[in-house]
Amino acid sequence: MFRKLFLDHPAEVGENYREHFGVASSFGIVMVIGGLGAIVHAFVPAWCKTTGSTTINRLHKRIVDARGAHRDARTIEWMI
């Protein structure tokens, strides 16, 4: 049970628990900040005009780049 809760998923994405904690928490913090900017924008449309979309684009690039690095690190020659 411990392995399932804390170790399996980080291993699936090529990280240990500590690395995964850092990546996941940094994503979460950035999402909260971006979400707060979007809420501010909802109240005052002239403020934080691009905060939400900029945050989404930045996080998307980070995760796509990370997946590419993880994929490129594999040693298999083919994949189904």
PDB file of N, CA and C in Angstrom:
ATOM      1  N   MET A   1       0.816  -1.196   0.000  1.00  0.00           N
ATOM      2  CA  MET A   1       0.000   0.000   0.000  1.00  0.00           C
ATOM      3  C   MET A   1       0.861   1.262   0.000  1.00  0.00           C
ATOM      4  N   PHE A   2       1.929   1.247   0.788  1.00  0.00           N
ATOM      5  CA  PHE A   2       2.819   2.413   0.836  1.00  0.00           C
ATOM      6  C   PHE A   2       3.379   2.704  -0.555  1.00  0.00           C
ATOM      7  N   ARG A   3       3.852   1.647  -1.212  1.00  0.00           N
ATOM      8  CA  ARG A   3       4.427   1.804  -2.557  1.00  0.00           C
ATOM      9  C   ARG A   3       3.401   2.383  -3.509  1.00  0.00           C
ATOM     10  N   LYS A   4       2.165   1.876  -3.462  1.00  0.00           N
ATOM     11  CA  LYS A   4       1.119   2.360  -4.359  1.00  0.00           C
ATOM     12  C   LYS A   4       0.822   3.838  -4.118  1.00  0.00           C
ATOM     13  N   LEU A   5       0.771   4.242  -2.871  1.00  0.00           N
ATOM     14  CA  LEU A   5       0.434   5.628  -2.534  1.00  0.00           C
ATOM     15  C   LEU A   5       1.555   6.621  -2.808  1.00  0.00           C
ATOM     16  N   PHE A   6       2.792   6.210  -2.571  1.00  0.00           N
ATOM     17  CA  PHE A   6       3.879   7.185  -2.581  1.00  0.00           C
ATOM     18  C   PHE A   6       4.980   6.967  -3.617  1.00  0.00           C
ATOM     19  N   LEU A   7       5.124   5.775  -4.150  1.00  0.00           N
ATOM     20  CA  LEU A   7       6.284   5.499  -4.995  1.00  0.00           C
ATOM     21  C   LEU A   7       5.962   5.130  -6.439  1.00  0.00           C
ATOM     22  N   ASP A   8       4.848   4.472  -6.683  1.00  0.00           N
ATOM     23  CA  ASP A   8       4.560   3.974  -8.030  1.00  0.00           C
ATOM     24  C   ASP A   8       4.440   5.100  -9.056  1.00  0.00           C
ATOM     25  N   HIS A   9       3.608   6.086  -8.800  1.00  0.00           N
ATOM     26  CA  HIS A   9       3.427   7.160  -9.780  1.00  0.00           C
ATOM     27  C   HIS A   9       4.712   7.947 -10.027  1.00  0.00           C
ATOM     28  N   PRO A  10       5.434   8.382  -9.004  1.00  0.00           N
ATOM     29  CA  PRO A  10       6.693   9.069  -9.293  1.00  0.00           C
ATOM     30  C   PRO A  10       7.626   8.227 -10.171  1.00  0.00           C
ATOM     31  N   ALA A  11       7.686   6.931  -9.910  1.00  0.00           N
ATOM     32  CA  ALA A  11       8.543   6.059 -10.725  1.00  0.00           C
ATOM     33  C   ALA A  11       8.052   6.007 -12.169  1.00  0.00           C
ATOM     34  N   GLU A  12       6.738   6.037 -12.362  1.00  0.00           N
ATOM     35  CA  GLU A  12       6.171   6.011 -13.712  1.00  0.00           C
ATOM     36  C   GLU A  12       6.607   7.217 -14.542  1.00  0.00           C
ATOM     37  N   VAL A  13       6.841   8.336 -13.890  1.00  0.00           N
ATOM     38  CA  VAL A  13       7.251   9.544 -14.607  1.00  0.00           C
ATOM     39  C   VAL A  13       8.752   9.817 -14.483  1.00  0.00           C
ATOM     40  N   GLY A  14       9.491   8.809 -14.011  1.00  0.00           N
ATOM     41  CA  GLY A  14      10.943   8.909 -13.961  1.00  0.00           C
ATOM     42  C   GLY A  14      11.497   9.758 -12.836  1.00  0.00           C
ATOM     43  N   GLU A  15      10.773   9.812 -11.721  1.00  0.00           N
ATOM     44  CA  GLU A  15      11.214  10.620 -10.582  1.00  0.00           C
ATOM     45  C   GLU A  15      11.166   9.787  -9.310  1.00  0.00           C
ATOM     46  N   ASN A  16      11.908  10.216  -8.292  1.00  0.00           N
ATOM     47  CA  ASN A  16      11.716   9.620  -6.975  1.00  0.00           C
ATOM     48  C   ASN A  16      10.689  10.481  -6.237  1.00  0.00           C
ATOM     49  N   TYR A  17      10.343  10.105  -5.010  1.00  0.00           N
ATOM     50  CA  TYR A  17       9.299  10.836  -4.280  1.00  0.00           C
ATOM     51  C   TYR A  17       9.666  12.307  -4.094  1.00  0.00           C
ATOM     52  N   ARG A  18      10.888  12.572  -3.688  1.00  0.00           N
ATOM     53  CA  ARG A  18      11.322  13.947  -3.418  1.00  0.00           C
ATOM     54  C   ARG A  18      11.271  14.808  -4.691  1.00  0.00           C
ATOM     55  N   GLU A  19      11.756  14.255  -5.800  1.00  0.00           N
ATOM     56  CA  GLU A  19      11.717  14.994  -7.065  1.00  0.00           C
ATOM     57  C   GLU A  19      10.277  15.274  -7.487  1.00  0.00           C
ATOM     58  N   HIS A  20       9.427  14.257  -7.364  1.00  0.00           N
ATOM     59  CA  HIS A  20       8.029  14.426  -7.750  1.00  0.00           C
ATOM     60  C   HIS A  20       7.335  15.459  -6.865  1.00  0.00           C
ATOM     61  N   PHE A  21       7.646  15.437  -5.582  1.00  0.00           N
ATOM     62  CA  PHE A  21       7.069  16.423  -4.663  1.00  0.00           C
ATOM     63  C   PHE A  21       7.435  17.833  -5.114  1.00  0.00           C
ATOM     64  N   GLY A  22       8.696  18.040  -5.461  1.00  0.00           N
ATOM     65  CA  GLY A  22       9.132  19.365  -5.904  1.00  0.00           C
ATOM     66  C   GLY A  22       8.451  19.814  -7.184  1.00  0.00           C
ATOM     67  N   VAL A  23       8.378  18.918  -8.169  1.00  0.00           N
ATOM     68  CA  VAL A  23       7.755  19.267  -9.443  1.00  0.00           C
ATOM     69  C   VAL A  23       6.266  19.514  -9.262  1.00  0.00           C
ATOM     70  N   ALA A  24       5.584  18.589  -8.591  1.00  0.00           N
ATOM     71  CA  ALA A  24       4.132  18.712  -8.419  1.00  0.00           C
ATOM     72  C   ALA A  24       3.763  19.939  -7.595  1.00  0.00           C
ATOM     73  N   SER A  25       4.505  20.199  -6.534  1.00  0.00           N
ATOM     74  CA  SER A  25       4.171  21.370  -5.716  1.00  0.00           C
ATOM     75  C   SER A  25       4.483  22.669  -6.459  1.00  0.00           C
ATOM     76  N   SER A  26       5.537  22.682  -7.269  1.00  0.00           N
ATOM     77  CA  SER A  26       5.822  23.909  -8.031  1.00  0.00           C
ATOM     78  C   SER A  26       4.734  24.149  -9.078  1.00  0.00           C
ATOM     79  N   PHE A  27       4.233  23.086  -9.706  1.00  0.00           N
ATOM     80  CA  PHE A  27       3.105  23.237 -10.630  1.00  0.00           C
ATOM     81  C   PHE A  27       1.891  23.779  -9.888  1.00  0.00           C
ATOM     82  N   GLY A  28       1.614  23.219  -8.723  1.00  0.00           N
ATOM     83  CA  GLY A  28       0.454  23.652  -7.949  1.00  0.00           C
ATOM     84  C   GLY A  28       0.524  25.113  -7.552  1.00  0.00           C
ATOM     85  N   ILE A  29       1.685  25.552  -7.111  1.00  0.00           N
ATOM     86  CA  ILE A  29       1.854  26.957  -6.712  1.00  0.00           C
ATOM     87  C   ILE A  29       1.636  27.874  -7.910  1.00  0.00           C
ATOM     88  N   VAL A  30       2.233  27.512  -9.054  1.00  0.00           N
ATOM     89  CA  VAL A  30       2.070  28.334 -10.261  1.00  0.00           C
ATOM     90  C   VAL A  30       0.606  28.367 -10.686  1.00  0.00           C
ATOM     91  N   MET A  31      -0.099  27.217 -10.587  1.00  0.00           N
ATOM     92  CA  MET A  31      -1.518  27.193 -10.953  1.00  0.00           C
ATOM     93  C   MET A  31      -2.363  28.062 -10.022  1.00  0.00           C
ATOM     94  N   VAL A  32      -2.058  28.044  -8.732  1.00  0.00           N
ATOM     95  CA  VAL A  32      -2.803  28.886  -7.786  1.00  0.00           C
ATOM     96  C   VAL A  32      -2.585  30.356  -8.114  1.00  0.00           C
ATOM     97  N   ILE A  33      -1.353  30.748  -8.364  1.00  0.00           N
ATOM     98  CA  ILE A  33      -1.055  32.143  -8.691  1.00  0.00           C
ATOM     99  C   ILE A  33      -1.760  32.546  -9.987  1.00  0.00           C
ATOM    100  N   GLY A  34      -1.681  31.678 -11.003  1.00  0.00           N
ATOM    101  CA  GLY A  34      -2.376  31.960 -12.259  1.00  0.00           C
ATOM    102  C   GLY A  34      -3.880  32.044 -12.074  1.00  0.00           C
ATOM    103  N   GLY A  35      -4.431  31.166 -11.237  1.00  0.00           N
ATOM    104  CA  GLY A  35      -5.861  31.198 -10.950  1.00  0.00           C
ATOM    105  C   GLY A  35      -6.275  32.465 -10.230  1.00  0.00           C
ATOM    106  N   LEU A  36      -5.457  32.906  -9.290  1.00  0.00           N
ATOM    107  CA  LEU A  36      -5.759  34.165  -8.600  1.00  0.00           C
ATOM    108  C   LEU A  36      -5.734  35.333  -9.582  1.00  0.00           C
ATOM    109  N   GLY A  37      -4.778  35.305 -10.507  1.00  0.00           N
ATOM    110  CA  GLY A  37      -4.732  36.350 -11.534  1.00  0.00           C
ATOM    111  C   GLY A  37      -5.986  36.339 -12.391  1.00  0.00           C
ATOM    112  N   ALA A  38      -6.481  35.147 -12.728  1.00  0.00           N
ATOM    113  CA  ALA A  38      -7.707  35.046 -13.523  1.00  0.00           C
ATOM    114  C   ALA A  38      -8.915  35.565 -12.746  1.00  0.00           C
ATOM    115  N   ILE A  39      -8.945  35.317 -11.444  1.00  0.00           N
ATOM    116  CA  ILE A  39     -10.043  35.829 -10.620  1.00  0.00           C
ATOM    117  C   ILE A  39      -9.979  37.352 -10.545  1.00  0.00           C
ATOM    118  N   VAL A  40      -8.781  37.901 -10.360  1.00  0.00           N
ATOM    119  CA  VAL A  40      -8.623  39.358 -10.365  1.00  0.00           C
ATOM    120  C   VAL A  40      -9.107  39.913 -11.700  1.00  0.00           C
ATOM    121  N   HIS A  41      -8.736  39.256 -12.796  1.00  0.00           N
ATOM    122  CA  HIS A  41      -9.160  39.689 -14.125  1.00  0.00           C
ATOM    123  C   HIS A  41     -10.685  39.651 -14.269  1.00  0.00           C
ATOM    124  N   ALA A  42     -11.322  38.679 -13.643  1.00  0.00           N
ATOM    125  CA  ALA A  42     -12.785  38.596 -13.713  1.00  0.00           C
ATOM    126  C   ALA A  42     -13.429  39.835 -13.082  1.00  0.00           C
ATOM    127  N   PHE A  43     -12.846  40.312 -11.976  1.00  0.00           N
ATOM    128  CA  PHE A  43     -13.393  41.480 -11.302  1.00  0.00           C
ATOM    129  C   PHE A  43     -13.012  42.789 -11.992  1.00  0.00           C
ATOM    130  N   VAL A  44     -11.771  42.891 -12.432  1.00  0.00           N
ATOM    131  CA  VAL A  44     -11.277  44.108 -13.082  1.00  0.00           C
ATOM    132  C   VAL A  44     -10.635  43.688 -14.413  1.00  0.00           C
ATOM    133  N   PRO A  45     -11.402  43.689 -15.502  1.00  0.00           N
ATOM    134  CA  PRO A  45     -10.916  43.173 -16.774  1.00  0.00           C
ATOM    135  C   PRO A  45      -9.644  43.846 -17.304  1.00  0.00           C
ATOM    136  N   ALA A  46      -9.336  45.029 -16.883  1.00  0.00           N
ATOM    137  CA  ALA A  46      -8.128  45.703 -17.353  1.00  0.00           C
ATOM    138  C   ALA A  46      -6.866  45.180 -16.664  1.00  0.00           C
ATOM    139  N   TRP A  47      -7.014  44.434 -15.592  1.00  0.00           N
ATOM    140  CA  TRP A  47      -5.872  43.896 -14.848  1.00  0.00           C
ATOM    141  C   TRP A  47      -5.664  42.420 -15.193  1.00  0.00           C
ATOM    142  N   CYS A  48      -4.442  41.982 -15.139  1.00  0.00           N
ATOM    143  CA  CYS A  48      -4.085  40.563 -15.327  1.00  0.00           C
ATOM    144  C   CYS A  48      -4.697  39.974 -16.592  1.00  0.00           C
ATOM    145  N   LYS A  49      -4.616  40.715 -17.681  1.00  0.00           N
ATOM    146  CA  LYS A  49      -5.259  40.300 -18.934  1.00  0.00           C
ATOM    147  C   LYS A  49      -4.747  38.960 -19.462  1.00  0.00           C
ATOM    148  N   THR A  50      -3.481  38.689 -19.302  1.00  0.00           N
ATOM    149  CA  THR A  50      -2.916  37.466 -19.877  1.00  0.00           C
ATOM    150  C   THR A  50      -2.374  36.493 -18.832  1.00  0.00           C
ATOM    151  N   THR A  51      -2.605  36.768 -17.565  1.00  0.00           N
ATOM    152  CA  THR A  51      -2.034  35.929 -16.511  1.00  0.00           C
ATOM    153  C   THR A  51      -2.472  34.476 -16.627  1.00  0.00           C
ATOM    154  N   GLY A  52      -3.762  34.247 -16.809  1.00  0.00           N
ATOM    155  CA  GLY A  52      -4.260  32.873 -16.913  1.00  0.00           C
ATOM    156  C   GLY A  52      -3.694  32.136 -18.113  1.00  0.00           C
ATOM    157  N   SER A  53      -3.776  32.726 -19.288  1.00  0.00           N
ATOM    158  CA  SER A  53      -3.298  32.049 -20.497  1.00  0.00           C
ATOM    159  C   SER A  53      -1.782  31.901 -20.495  1.00  0.00           C
ATOM    160  N   THR A  54      -1.066  32.881 -19.978  1.00  0.00           N
ATOM    161  CA  THR A  54       0.383  32.778 -19.893  1.00  0.00           C
ATOM    162  C   THR A  54       0.780  31.637 -18.961  1.00  0.00           C
ATOM    163  N   THR A  55       0.071  31.517 -17.848  1.00  0.00           N
ATOM    164  CA  THR A  55       0.347  30.444 -16.897  1.00  0.00           C
ATOM    165  C   THR A  55       0.101  29.085 -17.529  1.00  0.00           C
ATOM    166  N   ILE A  56      -1.018  28.942 -18.207  1.00  0.00           N
ATOM    167  CA  ILE A  56      -1.347  27.673 -18.869  1.00  0.00           C
ATOM    168  C   ILE A  56      -0.283  27.329 -19.915  1.00  0.00           C
ATOM    169  N   ASN A  57       0.081  28.285 -20.736  1.00  0.00           N
ATOM    170  CA  ASN A  57       1.086  28.032 -21.777  1.00  0.00           C
ATOM    171  C   ASN A  57       2.437  27.649 -21.184  1.00  0.00           C
ATOM    172  N   ARG A  58       2.842  28.330 -20.112  1.00  0.00           N
ATOM    173  CA  ARG A  58       4.130  28.043 -19.476  1.00  0.00           C
ATOM    174  C   ARG A  58       4.142  26.635 -18.872  1.00  0.00           C
ATOM    175  N   LEU A  59       3.050  26.260 -18.193  1.00  0.00           N
ATOM    176  CA  LEU A  59       2.983  24.926 -17.596  1.00  0.00           C
ATOM    177  C   LEU A  59       2.901  23.847 -18.671  1.00  0.00           C
ATOM    178  N   HIS A  60       2.156  24.124 -19.734  1.00  0.00           N
ATOM    179  CA  HIS A  60       2.064  23.158 -20.826  1.00  0.00           C
ATOM    180  C   HIS A  60       3.441  22.906 -21.426  1.00  0.00           C
ATOM    181  N   LYS A  61       4.205  23.953 -21.661  1.00  0.00           N
ATOM    182  CA  LYS A  61       5.546  23.790 -22.212  1.00  0.00           C
ATOM    183  C   LYS A  61       6.432  22.987 -21.266  1.00  0.00           C
ATOM    184  N   ARG A  62       6.338  23.268 -19.976  1.00  0.00           N
ATOM    185  CA  ARG A  62       7.152  22.523 -19.001  1.00  0.00           C
ATOM    186  C   ARG A  62       6.837  21.042 -19.031  1.00  0.00           C
ATOM    187  N   ILE A  63       5.556  20.703 -19.066  1.00  0.00           N
ATOM    188  CA  ILE A  63       5.200  19.285 -19.004  1.00  0.00           C
ATOM    189  C   ILE A  63       5.510  18.580 -20.317  1.00  0.00           C
ATOM    190  N   VAL A  64       5.325  19.254 -21.438  1.00  0.00           N
ATOM    191  CA  VAL A  64       5.660  18.651 -22.737  1.00  0.00           C
ATOM    192  C   VAL A  64       7.172  18.445 -22.838  1.00  0.00           C
ATOM    193  N   ASP A  65       7.946  19.434 -22.411  1.00  0.00           N
ATOM    194  CA  ASP A  65       9.407  19.297 -22.439  1.00  0.00           C
ATOM    195  C   ASP A  65       9.863  18.161 -21.524  1.00  0.00           C
ATOM    196  N   ALA A  66       9.251  18.052 -20.349  1.00  0.00           N
ATOM    197  CA  ALA A  66       9.611  16.991 -19.404  1.00  0.00           C
ATOM    198  C   ALA A  66       9.263  15.619 -19.970  1.00  0.00           C
ATOM    199  N   ARG A  67       8.108  15.501 -20.600  1.00  0.00           N
ATOM    200  CA  ARG A  67       7.733  14.221 -21.208  1.00  0.00           C
ATOM    201  C   ARG A  67       8.684  13.865 -22.335  1.00  0.00           C
ATOM    202  N   GLY A  68       9.093  14.858 -23.114  1.00  0.00           N
ATOM    203  CA  GLY A  68      10.039  14.605 -24.195  1.00  0.00           C
ATOM    204  C   GLY A  68      11.368  14.111 -23.664  1.00  0.00           C
ATOM    205  N   ALA A  69      11.853  14.723 -22.599  1.00  0.00           N
ATOM    206  CA  ALA A  69      13.118  14.301 -22.003  1.00  0.00           C
ATOM    207  C   ALA A  69      12.990  12.893 -21.450  1.00  0.00           C
ATOM    208  N   HIS A  70      11.854  12.599 -20.814  1.00  0.00           N
ATOM    209  CA  HIS A  70      11.619  11.260 -20.261  1.00  0.00           C
ATOM    210  C   HIS A  70      11.535  10.241 -21.391  1.00  0.00           C
ATOM    211  N   ARG A  71      10.827  10.590 -22.468  1.00  0.00           N
ATOM    212  CA  ARG A  71      10.682   9.690 -23.613  1.00  0.00           C
ATOM    213  C   ARG A  71      12.037   9.440 -24.261  1.00  0.00           C
ATOM    214  N   ASP A  72      12.830  10.477 -24.443  1.00  0.00           N
ATOM    215  CA  ASP A  72      14.129  10.353 -25.095  1.00  0.00           C
ATOM    216  C   ASP A  72      15.120   9.539 -24.266  1.00  0.00           C
ATOM    217  N   ALA A  73      14.891   9.468 -22.958  1.00  0.00           N
ATOM    218  CA  ALA A  73      15.800   8.732 -22.082  1.00  0.00           C
ATOM    219  C   ALA A  73      15.556   7.223 -22.142  1.00  0.00           C
ATOM    220  N   ARG A  74      14.457   6.791 -22.711  1.00  0.00           N
ATOM    221  CA  ARG A  74      14.164   5.361 -22.808  1.00  0.00           C
ATOM    222  C   ARG A  74      15.170   4.698 -23.746  1.00  0.00           C
ATOM    223  N   THR A  75      15.435   3.448 -23.461  1.00  0.00           N
ATOM    224  CA  THR A  75      16.436   2.736 -24.251  1.00  0.00           C
ATOM    225  C   THR A  75      15.818   1.725 -25.212  1.00  0.00           C
ATOM    226  N   ILE A  76      14.514   1.631 -25.276  1.00  0.00           N
ATOM    227  CA  ILE A  76      13.900   0.685 -26.201  1.00  0.00           C
ATOM    228  C   ILE A  76      13.945   1.228 -27.621  1.00  0.00           C
ATOM    229  N   GLU A  77      13.951   0.343 -28.589  1.00  0.00           N
ATOM    230  CA  GLU A  77      14.059   0.759 -29.967  1.00  0.00           C
ATOM    231  C   GLU A  77      12.719   1.010 -30.623  1.00  0.00           C
ATOM    232  N   TRP A  78      11.654   0.434 -30.107  1.00  0.00           N
ATOM    233  CA  TRP A  78      10.326   0.633 -30.688  1.00  0.00           C
ATOM    234  C   TRP A  78       9.295   0.631 -29.590  1.00  0.00           C
ATOM    235  N   MET A  79       8.153   1.186 -29.916  1.00  0.00           N
ATOM    236  CA  MET A  79       7.093   1.293 -28.923  1.00  0.00           C
ATOM    237  C   MET A  79       5.753   1.102 -29.614  1.00  0.00           C
ATOM    238  N   ILE A  80       4.886   0.358 -28.990  1.00  0.00           N
ATOM    239  CA  ILE A  80       3.545   0.128 -29.541  1.00  0.00           C
ATOM    240  C   ILE A  80       2.575   1.088 -28.898  1.00  0.00           C
TER     241      ILE A  80
END
